[in-house]
Amino acid sequence: MSDNVDLWALSDLATPWCVRVVVTLGVAEHMADGVTKVGELARRADCDGESLARVLRRLVANGLFEEPAEDEFTLNEAARVFLEPGPLRGGLNLDGHGGRLAGAWTGLLDAVRSGRPTYQGVFGLPFWEDLDAHPGLAESYDSMMVEGRHVPDPAVLVHDGDWADVRHVVDVGGGTGAMLAEILRARPHIHGTLVDLPRTVARSGEIFGPAGVADRATVAPQSFFEPLPAGADVYLIQSVLLDWPDEEATRLLTRCAEAAAPNGRVVVVGGVSADRAAGKGGLLLMVMTGGKPRSLDEFRVLAAEAGLTVSASGESPSGHFIIESRPS
């Protein structure tokens, strides 16, 4: 075995699953409440005490948690990350969307052999249909998007920073509206339309109301593969394009080009990088949906097929790589 590569560590499956189990059971939260004896931890988490102890000892050996006395476990600094809100906890929780993410990896071999997503072979339905069939999973996924990919950041909208001619923004596939709410809050002269599936935009009131922008926000409960609300100044696609293979990504861009014509622009944030190296990876997307990150050159090809011409690209003040395109 190479001196520089520990193949056993690289191929370990036990430790990652142990991490997900303690997150799902809320073990760190119970410890933060002062519960340290494994029997009481197991009672609070509704699980078997001996089995929980074995899981925790595996994590202690890897630097997570401490066992100061036999069958007594406590937080250490590394384990306190499980107390922090954010996408990490949702992504590791096996009872929610995180469980689907973890299980989807079992289809990796078939995805590599076939070149096609294998989520349906693992769970019985294609990814998006699976969310439609399981409202709890869909809600978990939407929450993860708000906390993870759809990070509210109004600075990403226009590359050159010129908002003078922007009066209406359509957030295409914008989830529950967190990004659009921040844009509207930062720019009081702008109105916005949120486009996403009915089950998702139904929750937008929870976002728009507290943000104080409900009077300037409307929703379009639909697929973004259908004709989009026309005539807006900007069509924003944030962290959506990478979820789809080339054919569907081109269809989405085509809908945006149709709606933006003749004078609007299409702004893409996330999933496209300046070069191929920066956009490498996307293995989980390959398994789940067939989507992938793309280089700017690859995006130009899709944009041209959709009737768009890239007019600007670069990093926003917040560090996001963004692309502006206009109907050809």
C-alpha atoms as a PDB file:
ATOM      1  CA  MET A   1       0.000   0.000   0.000  1.00  0.00           C
ATOM      2  CA  SER A   2       1.270   3.462  -0.856  1.00  0.00           C
ATOM      3  CA  ASP A   3       2.839   5.430   1.979  1.00  0.00           C
ATOM      4  CA  ASN A   4       0.825   8.469   0.902  1.00  0.00           C
ATOM      5  CA  VAL A   5      -2.631   6.941   0.483  1.00  0.00           C
ATOM      6  CA  ASP A   6      -4.559   5.081   3.167  1.00  0.00           C
ATOM      7  CA  LEU A   7      -6.942   2.993   1.072  1.00  0.00           C
ATOM      8  CA  TRP A   8      -8.766   1.655   4.113  1.00  0.00           C
ATOM      9  CA  ALA A   9      -9.530   5.195   5.259  1.00  0.00           C
ATOM     10  CA  LEU A  10     -10.642   6.193   1.774  1.00  0.00           C
ATOM     11  CA  SER A  11     -12.961   3.194   1.477  1.00  0.00           C
ATOM     12  CA  ASP A  12     -14.400   3.354   4.999  1.00  0.00           C
ATOM     13  CA  LEU A  13     -18.208   3.310   4.987  1.00  0.00           C
ATOM     14  CA  ALA A  14     -18.788   2.747   8.689  1.00  0.00           C
ATOM     15  CA  THR A  15     -17.695   6.154   9.946  1.00  0.00           C
ATOM     16  CA  PRO A  16     -19.798   8.245   7.521  1.00  0.00           C
ATOM     17  CA  TRP A  17     -22.878   6.196   8.388  1.00  0.00           C
ATOM     18  CA  CYS A  18     -22.176   6.539  12.118  1.00  0.00           C
ATOM     19  CA  VAL A  19     -22.064  10.324  11.654  1.00  0.00           C
ATOM     20  CA  ARG A  20     -25.439  10.273   9.933  1.00  0.00           C
ATOM     21  CA  VAL A  21     -26.958   8.062  12.619  1.00  0.00           C
ATOM     22  CA  VAL A  22     -26.005  10.360  15.508  1.00  0.00           C
ATOM     23  CA  VAL A  23     -27.225  13.411  13.586  1.00  0.00           C
ATOM     24  CA  THR A  24     -30.531  11.706  12.809  1.00  0.00           C
ATOM     25  CA  LEU A  25     -30.969  10.712  16.466  1.00  0.00           C
ATOM     26  CA  GLY A  26     -30.147  14.226  17.715  1.00  0.00           C
ATOM     27  CA  VAL A  27     -27.397  12.916  19.993  1.00  0.00           C
ATOM     28  CA  ALA A  28     -25.393  16.157  20.031  1.00  0.00           C
ATOM     29  CA  GLU A  29     -28.470  18.142  21.073  1.00  0.00           C
ATOM     30  CA  HIS A  30     -29.126  15.761  23.962  1.00  0.00           C
ATOM     31  CA  MET A  31     -25.516  16.073  25.083  1.00  0.00           C
ATOM     32  CA  ALA A  32     -25.805  19.854  24.940  1.00  0.00           C
ATOM     33  CA  ASP A  33     -28.771  19.513  27.319  1.00  0.00           C
ATOM     34  CA  GLY A  34     -26.465  17.803  29.810  1.00  0.00           C
ATOM     35  CA  VAL A  35     -27.296  14.179  29.040  1.00  0.00           C
ATOM     36  CA  THR A  36     -24.093  12.126  28.948  1.00  0.00           C
ATOM     37  CA  LYS A  37     -24.846   8.599  30.198  1.00  0.00           C
ATOM     38  CA  VAL A  38     -25.419   6.333  27.228  1.00  0.00           C
ATOM     39  CA  GLY A  39     -28.541   4.784  28.741  1.00  0.00           C
ATOM     40  CA  GLU A  40     -30.262   8.164  29.092  1.00  0.00           C
ATOM     41  CA  LEU A  41     -28.977   9.268  25.688  1.00  0.00           C
ATOM     42  CA  ALA A  42     -30.535   6.160  24.175  1.00  0.00           C
ATOM     43  CA  ARG A  43     -33.806   6.751  26.006  1.00  0.00           C
ATOM     44  CA  ARG A  44     -33.970  10.336  24.744  1.00  0.00           C
ATOM     45  CA  ALA A  45     -33.092   9.252  21.208  1.00  0.00           C
ATOM     46  CA  ASP A  46     -35.440   6.234  21.300  1.00  0.00           C
ATOM     47  CA  CYS A  47     -32.781   3.704  20.362  1.00  0.00           C
ATOM     48  CA  ASP A  48     -30.792   0.795  21.804  1.00  0.00           C
ATOM     49  CA  GLY A  49     -28.153   1.868  24.323  1.00  0.00           C
ATOM     50  CA  GLU A  50     -25.505  -0.770  23.588  1.00  0.00           C
ATOM     51  CA  SER A  51     -25.759  -0.120  19.858  1.00  0.00           C
ATOM     52  CA  LEU A  52     -25.532   3.640  20.359  1.00  0.00           C
ATOM     53  CA  ALA A  53     -22.424   3.194  22.492  1.00  0.00           C
ATOM     54  CA  ARG A  54     -20.741   1.221  19.728  1.00  0.00           C
ATOM     55  CA  VAL A  55     -21.551   3.916  17.192  1.00  0.00           C
ATOM     56  CA  LEU A  56     -20.268   6.669  19.477  1.00  0.00           C
ATOM     57  CA  ARG A  57     -17.032   4.791  20.206  1.00  0.00           C
ATOM     58  CA  ARG A  58     -16.393   4.569  16.485  1.00  0.00           C
ATOM     59  CA  LEU A  59     -16.733   8.353  16.269  1.00  0.00           C
ATOM     60  CA  VAL A  60     -14.622   8.973  19.379  1.00  0.00           C
ATOM     61  CA  ALA A  61     -11.837   6.992  17.714  1.00  0.00           C
ATOM     62  CA  ASN A  62     -12.106   9.378  14.774  1.00  0.00           C
ATOM     63  CA  GLY A  63     -12.028  12.576  16.816  1.00  0.00           C
ATOM     64  CA  LEU A  64     -15.763  13.214  17.233  1.00  0.00           C
ATOM     65  CA  PHE A  65     -17.139  13.271  20.810  1.00  0.00           C
ATOM     66  CA  GLU A  66     -15.302  12.055  23.915  1.00  0.00           C
ATOM     67  CA  GLU A  67     -15.767   9.175  26.343  1.00  0.00           C
ATOM     68  CA  PRO A  68     -14.406  10.494  29.670  1.00  0.00           C
ATOM     69  CA  ALA A  69     -15.714   7.448  31.549  1.00  0.00           C
ATOM     70  CA  GLU A  70     -17.134   4.104  30.498  1.00  0.00           C
ATOM     71  CA  ASP A  71     -20.567   4.527  28.881  1.00  0.00           C
ATOM     72  CA  GLU A  72     -20.427   8.303  29.294  1.00  0.00           C
ATOM     73  CA  PHE A  73     -20.118  10.454  26.186  1.00  0.00           C
ATOM     74  CA  THR A  74     -19.711  14.196  25.811  1.00  0.00           C
ATOM     75  CA  LEU A  75     -19.323  16.810  23.108  1.00  0.00           C
ATOM     76  CA  ASN A  76     -15.904  17.965  22.044  1.00  0.00           C
ATOM     77  CA  GLU A  77     -15.166  20.993  19.908  1.00  0.00           C
ATOM     78  CA  ALA A  78     -15.373  19.024  16.656  1.00  0.00           C
ATOM     79  CA  ALA A  79     -18.805  17.603  17.535  1.00  0.00           C
ATOM     80  CA  ARG A  80     -20.277  21.003  18.326  1.00  0.00           C
ATOM     81  CA  VAL A  81     -20.675  21.573  14.600  1.00  0.00           C
ATOM     82  CA  PHE A  82     -23.781  19.363  14.851  1.00  0.00           C
ATOM     83  CA  LEU A  83     -25.426  22.036  16.997  1.00  0.00           C
ATOM     84  CA  GLU A  84     -25.108  24.711  14.344  1.00  0.00           C
ATOM     85  CA  PRO A  85     -28.087  25.430  12.077  1.00  0.00           C
ATOM     86  CA  GLY A  86     -27.534  25.088   8.359  1.00  0.00           C
ATOM     87  CA  PRO A  87     -27.425  22.610   5.493  1.00  0.00           C
ATOM     88  CA  LEU A  88     -25.013  20.216   7.226  1.00  0.00           C
ATOM     89  CA  ARG A  89     -27.587  18.859   9.641  1.00  0.00           C
ATOM     90  CA  GLY A  90     -30.285  18.539   6.998  1.00  0.00           C
ATOM     91  CA  GLY A  91     -27.922  16.852   4.594  1.00  0.00           C
ATOM     92  CA  LEU A  92     -26.881  14.266   7.175  1.00  0.00           C
ATOM     93  CA  ASN A  93     -30.319  13.493   8.613  1.00  0.00           C
ATOM     94  CA  LEU A  94     -31.335  10.055   7.386  1.00  0.00           C
ATOM     95  CA  ASP A  95     -35.005  10.660   8.177  1.00  0.00           C
ATOM     96  CA  GLY A  96     -35.202  13.469   5.624  1.00  0.00           C
ATOM     97  CA  HIS A  97     -33.734  14.276   2.238  1.00  0.00           C
ATOM     98  CA  GLY A  98     -30.282  13.420   3.572  1.00  0.00           C
ATOM     99  CA  GLY A  99     -31.304   9.784   3.708  1.00  0.00           C
ATOM    100  CA  ARG A 100     -32.124   9.829   0.032  1.00  0.00           C
ATOM    101  CA  LEU A 101     -28.774  11.469  -0.728  1.00  0.00           C
ATOM    102  CA  ALA A 102     -26.930   8.783   1.205  1.00  0.00           C
ATOM    103  CA  GLY A 103     -28.852   5.910  -0.335  1.00  0.00           C
ATOM    104  CA  ALA A 104     -28.473   7.253  -3.857  1.00  0.00           C
ATOM    105  CA  TRP A 105     -24.757   6.454  -3.789  1.00  0.00           C
ATOM    106  CA  THR A 106     -25.567   2.758  -4.078  1.00  0.00           C
ATOM    107  CA  GLY A 107     -26.426   3.467  -7.712  1.00  0.00           C
ATOM    108  CA  LEU A 108     -23.019   4.907  -8.581  1.00  0.00           C
ATOM    109  CA  LEU A 109     -21.681   1.782 -10.295  1.00  0.00           C
ATOM    110  CA  ASP A 110     -24.718   1.510 -12.561  1.00  0.00           C
ATOM    111  CA  ALA A 111     -24.534   5.241 -13.321  1.00  0.00           C
ATOM    112  CA  VAL A 112     -20.911   4.909 -14.422  1.00  0.00           C
ATOM    113  CA  ARG A 113     -21.681   1.848 -16.511  1.00  0.00           C
ATOM    114  CA  SER A 114     -24.753   3.319 -18.186  1.00  0.00           C
ATOM    115  CA  GLY A 115     -24.016   7.039 -18.263  1.00  0.00           C
ATOM    116  CA  ARG A 116     -27.532   7.645 -16.947  1.00  0.00           C
ATOM    117  CA  PRO A 117     -28.969   8.596 -13.550  1.00  0.00           C
ATOM    118  CA  THR A 118     -29.828   5.572 -11.400  1.00  0.00           C
ATOM    119  CA  TYR A 119     -31.955   7.140  -8.647  1.00  0.00           C
ATOM    120  CA  GLN A 120     -35.086   5.425  -9.953  1.00  0.00           C
ATOM    121  CA  GLY A 121     -33.416   2.026  -9.721  1.00  0.00           C
ATOM    122  CA  VAL A 122     -32.660   2.645  -6.040  1.00  0.00           C
ATOM    123  CA  PHE A 123     -35.893   4.292  -4.895  1.00  0.00           C
ATOM    124  CA  GLY A 124     -38.479   3.282  -7.513  1.00  0.00           C
ATOM    125  CA  LEU A 125     -39.131   6.743  -8.962  1.00  0.00           C
ATOM    126  CA  PRO A 126     -37.032   9.377 -10.757  1.00  0.00           C
ATOM    127  CA  PHE A 127     -35.725  12.051  -8.369  1.00  0.00           C
ATOM    128  CA  TRP A 128     -38.251  14.815  -9.051  1.00  0.00           C
ATOM    129  CA  GLU A 129     -41.205  12.397  -9.104  1.00  0.00           C
ATOM    130  CA  ASP A 130     -39.999  10.955  -5.811  1.00  0.00           C
ATOM    131  CA  LEU A 131     -40.199  14.396  -4.227  1.00  0.00           C
ATOM    132  CA  ASP A 132     -43.717  14.867  -5.588  1.00  0.00           C
ATOM    133  CA  ALA A 133     -44.758  11.516  -4.126  1.00  0.00           C
ATOM    134  CA  HIS A 134     -43.323  12.237  -0.658  1.00  0.00           C
ATOM    135  CA  PRO A 135     -44.249  15.709   0.678  1.00  0.00           C
ATOM    136  CA  GLY A 136     -42.005  15.301   3.715  1.00  0.00           C
ATOM    137  CA  LEU A 137     -38.980  14.677   1.522  1.00  0.00           C
ATOM    138  CA  ALA A 138     -39.926  17.609  -0.690  1.00  0.00           C
ATOM    139  CA  GLU A 139     -40.126  19.936   2.310  1.00  0.00           C
ATOM    140  CA  SER A 140     -36.760  18.674   3.557  1.00  0.00           C
ATOM    141  CA  TYR A 141     -35.247  19.249   0.104  1.00  0.00           C
ATOM    142  CA  ASP A 142     -36.678  22.772  -0.148  1.00  0.00           C
ATOM    143  CA  SER A 143     -35.275  23.635   3.279  1.00  0.00           C
ATOM    144  CA  MET A 144     -31.865  22.301   2.310  1.00  0.00           C
ATOM    145  CA  MET A 145     -31.901  24.436  -0.832  1.00  0.00           C
ATOM    146  CA  VAL A 146     -32.639  27.559   1.225  1.00  0.00           C
ATOM    147  CA  GLU A 147     -29.864  26.753   3.680  1.00  0.00           C
ATOM    148  CA  GLY A 148     -27.391  25.522   1.084  1.00  0.00           C
ATOM    149  CA  ARG A 149     -27.505  26.354  -2.610  1.00  0.00           C
ATOM    150  CA  HIS A 150     -30.110  29.130  -2.553  1.00  0.00           C
ATOM    151  CA  VAL A 151     -28.180  31.337  -0.148  1.00  0.00           C
ATOM    152  CA  PRO A 152     -29.898  34.749  -0.184  1.00  0.00           C
ATOM    153  CA  ASP A 153     -27.486  37.207  -1.771  1.00  0.00           C
ATOM    154  CA  PRO A 154     -28.885  40.213  -3.654  1.00  0.00           C
ATOM    155  CA  ALA A 155     -25.426  41.092  -4.997  1.00  0.00           C
ATOM    156  CA  VAL A 156     -25.468  38.239  -7.502  1.00  0.00           C
ATOM    157  CA  LEU A 157     -28.132  39.638  -9.767  1.00  0.00           C
ATOM    158  CA  VAL A 158     -26.341  41.861 -12.235  1.00  0.00           C
ATOM    159  CA  HIS A 159     -22.679  41.441 -13.088  1.00  0.00           C
ATOM    160  CA  ASP A 160     -21.960  45.090 -13.829  1.00  0.00           C
ATOM    161  CA  GLY A 161     -23.916  46.317 -10.799  1.00  0.00           C
ATOM    162  CA  ASP A 162     -26.246  48.492 -12.905  1.00  0.00           C
ATOM    163  CA  TRP A 163     -29.773  48.233 -11.508  1.00  0.00           C
ATOM    164  CA  ALA A 164     -31.116  51.422 -13.051  1.00  0.00           C
ATOM    165  CA  ASP A 165     -33.038  49.658 -15.831  1.00  0.00           C
ATOM    166  CA  VAL A 166     -34.219  46.680 -13.773  1.00  0.00           C
ATOM    167  CA  ARG A 167     -37.836  46.859 -12.681  1.00  0.00           C
ATOM    168  CA  HIS A 168     -38.964  43.238 -12.744  1.00  0.00           C
ATOM    169  CA  VAL A 169     -37.043  40.063 -11.850  1.00  0.00           C
ATOM    170  CA  VAL A 170     -38.295  36.536 -12.460  1.00  0.00           C
ATOM    171  CA  ASP A 171     -36.599  33.971 -10.210  1.00  0.00           C
ATOM    172  CA  VAL A 172     -36.776  30.754 -12.229  1.00  0.00           C
ATOM    173  CA  GLY A 173     -36.789  27.675 -10.023  1.00  0.00           C
ATOM    174  CA  GLY A 174     -36.339  29.915  -7.008  1.00  0.00           C
ATOM    175  CA  GLY A 175     -37.666  27.469  -4.427  1.00  0.00           C
ATOM    176  CA  THR A 176     -39.577  29.100  -1.597  1.00  0.00           C
ATOM    177  CA  GLY A 177     -38.346  32.587  -2.518  1.00  0.00           C
ATOM    178  CA  ALA A 178     -35.451  33.289  -0.154  1.00  0.00           C
ATOM    179  CA  MET A 179     -33.230  34.767  -2.869  1.00  0.00           C
ATOM    180  CA  LEU A 180     -36.006  36.810  -4.451  1.00  0.00           C
ATOM    181  CA  ALA A 181     -37.008  38.217  -1.062  1.00  0.00           C
ATOM    182  CA  GLU A 182     -33.483  39.484  -0.459  1.00  0.00           C
ATOM    183  CA  ILE A 183     -33.322  41.036  -3.917  1.00  0.00           C
ATOM    184  CA  LEU A 184     -36.607  42.861  -3.380  1.00  0.00           C
ATOM    185  CA  ARG A 185     -35.659  43.956   0.105  1.00  0.00           C
ATOM    186  CA  ALA A 186     -32.356  45.381  -1.111  1.00  0.00           C
ATOM    187  CA  ARG A 187     -33.958  47.137  -4.135  1.00  0.00           C
ATOM    188  CA  PRO A 188     -37.307  48.732  -3.186  1.00  0.00           C
ATOM    189  CA  HIS A 189     -38.067  49.774  -6.776  1.00  0.00           C
ATOM    190  CA  ILE A 190     -38.081  46.189  -8.084  1.00  0.00           C
ATOM    191  CA  HIS A 191     -40.995  43.770  -8.392  1.00  0.00           C
ATOM    192  CA  GLY A 192     -40.451  40.036  -8.599  1.00  0.00           C
ATOM    193  CA  THR A 193     -42.085  36.809  -9.734  1.00  0.00           C
ATOM    194  CA  LEU A 194     -41.196  33.446  -8.216  1.00  0.00           C
ATOM    195  CA  VAL A 195     -41.488  30.466 -10.574  1.00  0.00           C
ATOM    196  CA  ASP A 196     -41.455  26.962  -9.121  1.00  0.00           C
ATOM    197  CA  LEU A 197     -43.702  23.971  -8.632  1.00  0.00           C
ATOM    198  CA  PRO A 198     -46.984  24.562  -6.791  1.00  0.00           C
ATOM    199  CA  ARG A 199     -45.946  22.607  -3.690  1.00  0.00           C
ATOM    200  CA  THR A 200     -42.853  24.782  -3.366  1.00  0.00           C
ATOM    201  CA  VAL A 201     -44.183  28.287  -4.047  1.00  0.00           C
ATOM    202  CA  ALA A 202     -47.039  27.546  -1.645  1.00  0.00           C
ATOM    203  CA  ARG A 203     -44.527  28.151   1.152  1.00  0.00           C
ATOM    204  CA  SER A 204     -43.310  31.495  -0.196  1.00  0.00           C
ATOM    205  CA  GLY A 205     -45.627  33.450   2.080  1.00  0.00           C
ATOM    206  CA  GLU A 206     -43.454  32.299   4.984  1.00  0.00           C
ATOM    207  CA  ILE A 207     -40.571  34.144   3.309  1.00  0.00           C
ATOM    208  CA  PHE A 208     -42.117  37.174   1.608  1.00  0.00           C
ATOM    209  CA  GLY A 209     -44.273  38.270   4.557  1.00  0.00           C
ATOM    210  CA  PRO A 210     -41.549  38.511   7.213  1.00  0.00           C
ATOM    211  CA  ALA A 211     -39.210  40.101   4.648  1.00  0.00           C
ATOM    212  CA  GLY A 212     -41.746  42.882   4.054  1.00  0.00           C
ATOM    213  CA  VAL A 213     -41.867  42.360   0.292  1.00  0.00           C
ATOM    214  CA  ALA A 214     -45.186  40.550  -0.177  1.00  0.00           C
ATOM    215  CA  ASP A 215     -46.716  43.558  -1.928  1.00  0.00           C
ATOM    216  CA  ARG A 216     -44.045  43.397  -4.646  1.00  0.00           C
ATOM    217  CA  ALA A 217     -43.810  39.619  -5.062  1.00  0.00           C
ATOM    218  CA  THR A 218     -46.030  37.342  -7.102  1.00  0.00           C
ATOM    219  CA  VAL A 219     -45.806  33.602  -7.696  1.00  0.00           C
ATOM    220  CA  ALA A 220     -46.180  31.469 -10.812  1.00  0.00           C
ATOM    221  CA  PRO A 221     -46.901  27.895  -9.658  1.00  0.00           C
ATOM    222  CA  GLN A 222     -45.651  25.917 -12.649  1.00  0.00           C
ATOM    223  CA  SER A 223     -42.835  23.940 -14.164  1.00  0.00           C
ATOM    224  CA  PHE A 224     -40.092  26.107 -15.612  1.00  0.00           C
ATOM    225  CA  PHE A 225     -40.226  23.958 -18.735  1.00  0.00           C
ATOM    226  CA  GLU A 226     -43.564  25.608 -19.511  1.00  0.00           C
ATOM    227  CA  PRO A 227     -43.737  29.133 -21.010  1.00  0.00           C
ATOM    228  CA  LEU A 228     -42.518  31.626 -18.412  1.00  0.00           C
ATOM    229  CA  PRO A 229     -44.051  35.002 -17.485  1.00  0.00           C
ATOM    230  CA  ALA A 230     -42.876  37.275 -20.296  1.00  0.00           C
ATOM    231  CA  GLY A 231     -41.496  40.773 -20.446  1.00  0.00           C
ATOM    232  CA  ALA A 232     -39.361  40.959 -17.286  1.00  0.00           C
ATOM    233  CA  ASP A 233     -35.989  42.665 -17.263  1.00  0.00           C
ATOM    234  CA  VAL A 234     -34.063  39.796 -15.675  1.00  0.00           C
ATOM    235  CA  TYR A 235     -34.605  36.040 -15.536  1.00  0.00           C
ATOM    236  CA  LEU A 236     -32.501  34.639 -12.711  1.00  0.00           C
ATOM    237  CA  ILE A 237     -31.442  30.979 -12.664  1.00  0.00           C
ATOM    238  CA  GLN A 238     -29.607  30.244  -9.441  1.00  0.00           C
ATOM    239  CA  SER A 239     -28.198  26.778  -8.734  1.00  0.00           C
ATOM    240  CA  VAL A 240     -30.770  25.133 -10.983  1.00  0.00           C
ATOM    241  CA  LEU A 241     -29.056  24.509 -14.296  1.00  0.00           C
ATOM    242  CA  LEU A 242     -26.608  21.992 -12.838  1.00  0.00           C
ATOM    243  CA  ASP A 243     -29.511  19.735 -11.786  1.00  0.00           C
ATOM    244  CA  TRP A 244     -30.288  18.858 -15.402  1.00  0.00           C
ATOM    245  CA  PRO A 245     -28.674  17.046 -18.352  1.00  0.00           C
ATOM    246  CA  ASP A 246     -27.891  19.076 -21.460  1.00  0.00           C
ATOM    247  CA  GLU A 247     -31.219  18.484 -23.202  1.00  0.00           C
ATOM    248  CA  GLU A 248     -33.319  19.710 -20.275  1.00  0.00           C
ATOM    249  CA  ALA A 249     -30.889  22.515 -19.455  1.00  0.00           C
ATOM    250  CA  THR A 250     -31.230  23.769 -23.015  1.00  0.00           C
ATOM    251  CA  ARG A 251     -35.033  23.621 -22.766  1.00  0.00           C
ATOM    252  CA  LEU A 252     -34.919  25.704 -19.589  1.00  0.00           C
ATOM    253  CA  LEU A 253     -32.651  28.294 -21.197  1.00  0.00           C
ATOM    254  CA  THR A 254     -34.914  28.348 -24.258  1.00  0.00           C
ATOM    255  CA  ARG A 255     -37.926  29.184 -22.098  1.00  0.00           C
ATOM    256  CA  CYS A 256     -35.958  31.999 -20.497  1.00  0.00           C
ATOM    257  CA  ALA A 257     -34.845  33.329 -23.897  1.00  0.00           C
ATOM    258  CA  GLU A 258     -38.422  33.296 -25.184  1.00  0.00           C
ATOM    259  CA  ALA A 259     -39.722  35.174 -22.158  1.00  0.00           C
ATOM    260  CA  ALA A 260     -36.834  37.660 -22.058  1.00  0.00           C
ATOM    261  CA  ALA A 261     -37.041  38.658 -25.727  1.00  0.00           C
ATOM    262  CA  PRO A 262     -36.401  41.183 -27.021  1.00  0.00           C
ATOM    263  CA  ASN A 263     -34.741  43.294 -24.308  1.00  0.00           C
ATOM    264  CA  GLY A 264     -34.446  41.203 -21.161  1.00  0.00           C
ATOM    265  CA  ARG A 265     -31.447  39.283 -19.916  1.00  0.00           C
ATOM    266  CA  VAL A 266     -30.870  35.855 -18.421  1.00  0.00           C
ATOM    267  CA  VAL A 267     -28.574  35.648 -15.396  1.00  0.00           C
ATOM    268  CA  VAL A 268     -27.137  32.274 -14.344  1.00  0.00           C
ATOM    269  CA  VAL A 269     -25.566  31.834 -10.915  1.00  0.00           C
ATOM    270  CA  GLY A 270     -24.145  28.518  -9.765  1.00  0.00           C
ATOM    271  CA  GLY A 271     -23.283  25.398 -11.703  1.00  0.00           C
ATOM    272  CA  VAL A 272     -21.107  27.178 -14.263  1.00  0.00           C
ATOM    273  CA  SER A 273     -17.449  28.014 -13.692  1.00  0.00           C
ATOM    274  CA  ALA A 274     -14.849  29.933 -15.617  1.00  0.00           C
ATOM    275  CA  ASP A 275     -13.077  26.729 -16.624  1.00  0.00           C
ATOM    276  CA  ARG A 276     -13.617  22.987 -16.489  1.00  0.00           C
ATOM    277  CA  ALA A 277     -11.280  22.442 -13.535  1.00  0.00           C
ATOM    278  CA  ALA A 278     -13.265  24.793 -11.333  1.00  0.00           C
ATOM    279  CA  GLY A 279     -16.482  22.981 -12.168  1.00  0.00           C
ATOM    280  CA  LYS A 280     -15.264  19.409 -11.727  1.00  0.00           C
ATOM    281  CA  GLY A 281     -17.214  16.843  -9.763  1.00  0.00           C
ATOM    282  CA  GLY A 282     -20.956  16.536  -9.601  1.00  0.00           C
ATOM    283  CA  LEU A 283     -20.902  12.803  -8.887  1.00  0.00           C
ATOM    284  CA  LEU A 284     -24.079  12.852  -6.813  1.00  0.00           C
ATOM    285  CA  LEU A 285     -25.891  14.778  -9.543  1.00  0.00           C
ATOM    286  CA  MET A 286     -24.781  12.121 -12.013  1.00  0.00           C
ATOM    287  CA  VAL A 287     -26.513   9.475  -9.913  1.00  0.00           C
ATOM    288  CA  MET A 288     -29.609  11.459  -8.965  1.00  0.00           C
ATOM    289  CA  THR A 289     -30.680  13.475 -11.990  1.00  0.00           C
ATOM    290  CA  GLY A 290     -28.010  13.243 -14.664  1.00  0.00           C
ATOM    291  CA  GLY A 291     -27.107  16.882 -14.072  1.00  0.00           C
ATOM    292  CA  LYS A 292     -23.584  18.258 -13.981  1.00  0.00           C
ATOM    293  CA  PRO A 293     -21.510  21.388 -13.418  1.00  0.00           C
ATOM    294  CA  ARG A 294     -20.287  23.058 -16.616  1.00  0.00           C
ATOM    295  CA  SER A 295     -17.492  25.271 -17.813  1.00  0.00           C
ATOM    296  CA  LEU A 296     -18.237  28.651 -19.376  1.00  0.00           C
ATOM    297  CA  ASP A 297     -17.402  27.262 -22.815  1.00  0.00           C
ATOM    298  CA  GLU A 298     -19.847  24.388 -22.315  1.00  0.00           C
ATOM    299  CA  PHE A 299     -22.497  26.856 -21.203  1.00  0.00           C
ATOM    300  CA  ARG A 300     -21.961  28.978 -24.321  1.00  0.00           C
ATOM    301  CA  VAL A 301     -22.897  25.970 -26.461  1.00  0.00           C
ATOM    302  CA  LEU A 302     -26.142  25.418 -24.547  1.00  0.00           C
ATOM    303  CA  ALA A 303     -26.936  29.128 -24.599  1.00  0.00           C
ATOM    304  CA  ALA A 304     -26.464  29.330 -28.374  1.00  0.00           C
ATOM    305  CA  GLU A 305     -28.790  26.370 -28.894  1.00  0.00           C
ATOM    306  CA  ALA A 306     -31.362  28.143 -26.720  1.00  0.00           C
ATOM    307  CA  GLY A 307     -31.143  31.409 -28.649  1.00  0.00           C
ATOM    308  CA  LEU A 308     -28.959  33.289 -26.163  1.00  0.00           C
ATOM    309  CA  THR A 309     -25.637  35.080 -26.477  1.00  0.00           C
ATOM    310  CA  VAL A 310     -23.358  35.479 -23.464  1.00  0.00           C
ATOM    311  CA  SER A 311     -22.892  39.214 -22.895  1.00  0.00           C
ATOM    312  CA  ALA A 312     -20.882  39.232 -19.647  1.00  0.00           C
ATOM    313  CA  SER A 313     -19.375  36.884 -17.075  1.00  0.00           C
ATOM    314  CA  GLY A 314     -17.280  37.120 -13.948  1.00  0.00           C
ATOM    315  CA  GLU A 315     -17.392  37.174 -10.175  1.00  0.00           C
ATOM    316  CA  SER A 316     -19.896  39.259  -8.288  1.00  0.00           C
ATOM    317  CA  PRO A 317     -18.752  41.268  -5.232  1.00  0.00           C
ATOM    318  CA  SER A 318     -19.849  38.319  -3.110  1.00  0.00           C
ATOM    319  CA  GLY A 319     -17.611  35.894  -5.013  1.00  0.00           C
ATOM    320  CA  HIS A 320     -20.234  34.055  -7.083  1.00  0.00           C
ATOM    321  CA  PHE A 321     -19.405  33.363 -10.720  1.00  0.00           C
ATOM    322  CA  ILE A 322     -22.286  34.717 -12.772  1.00  0.00           C
ATOM    323  CA  ILE A 323     -23.158  34.866 -16.441  1.00  0.00           C
ATOM    324  CA  GLU A 324     -25.410  37.306 -18.261  1.00  0.00           C
ATOM    325  CA  SER A 325     -26.943  36.349 -21.577  1.00  0.00           C
ATOM    326  CA  ARG A 326     -29.316  38.136 -23.930  1.00  0.00           C
ATOM    327  CA  PRO A 327     -31.661  36.822 -26.621  1.00  0.00           C
ATOM    328  CA  SER A 328     -29.817  36.526 -29.929  1.00  0.00           C
END
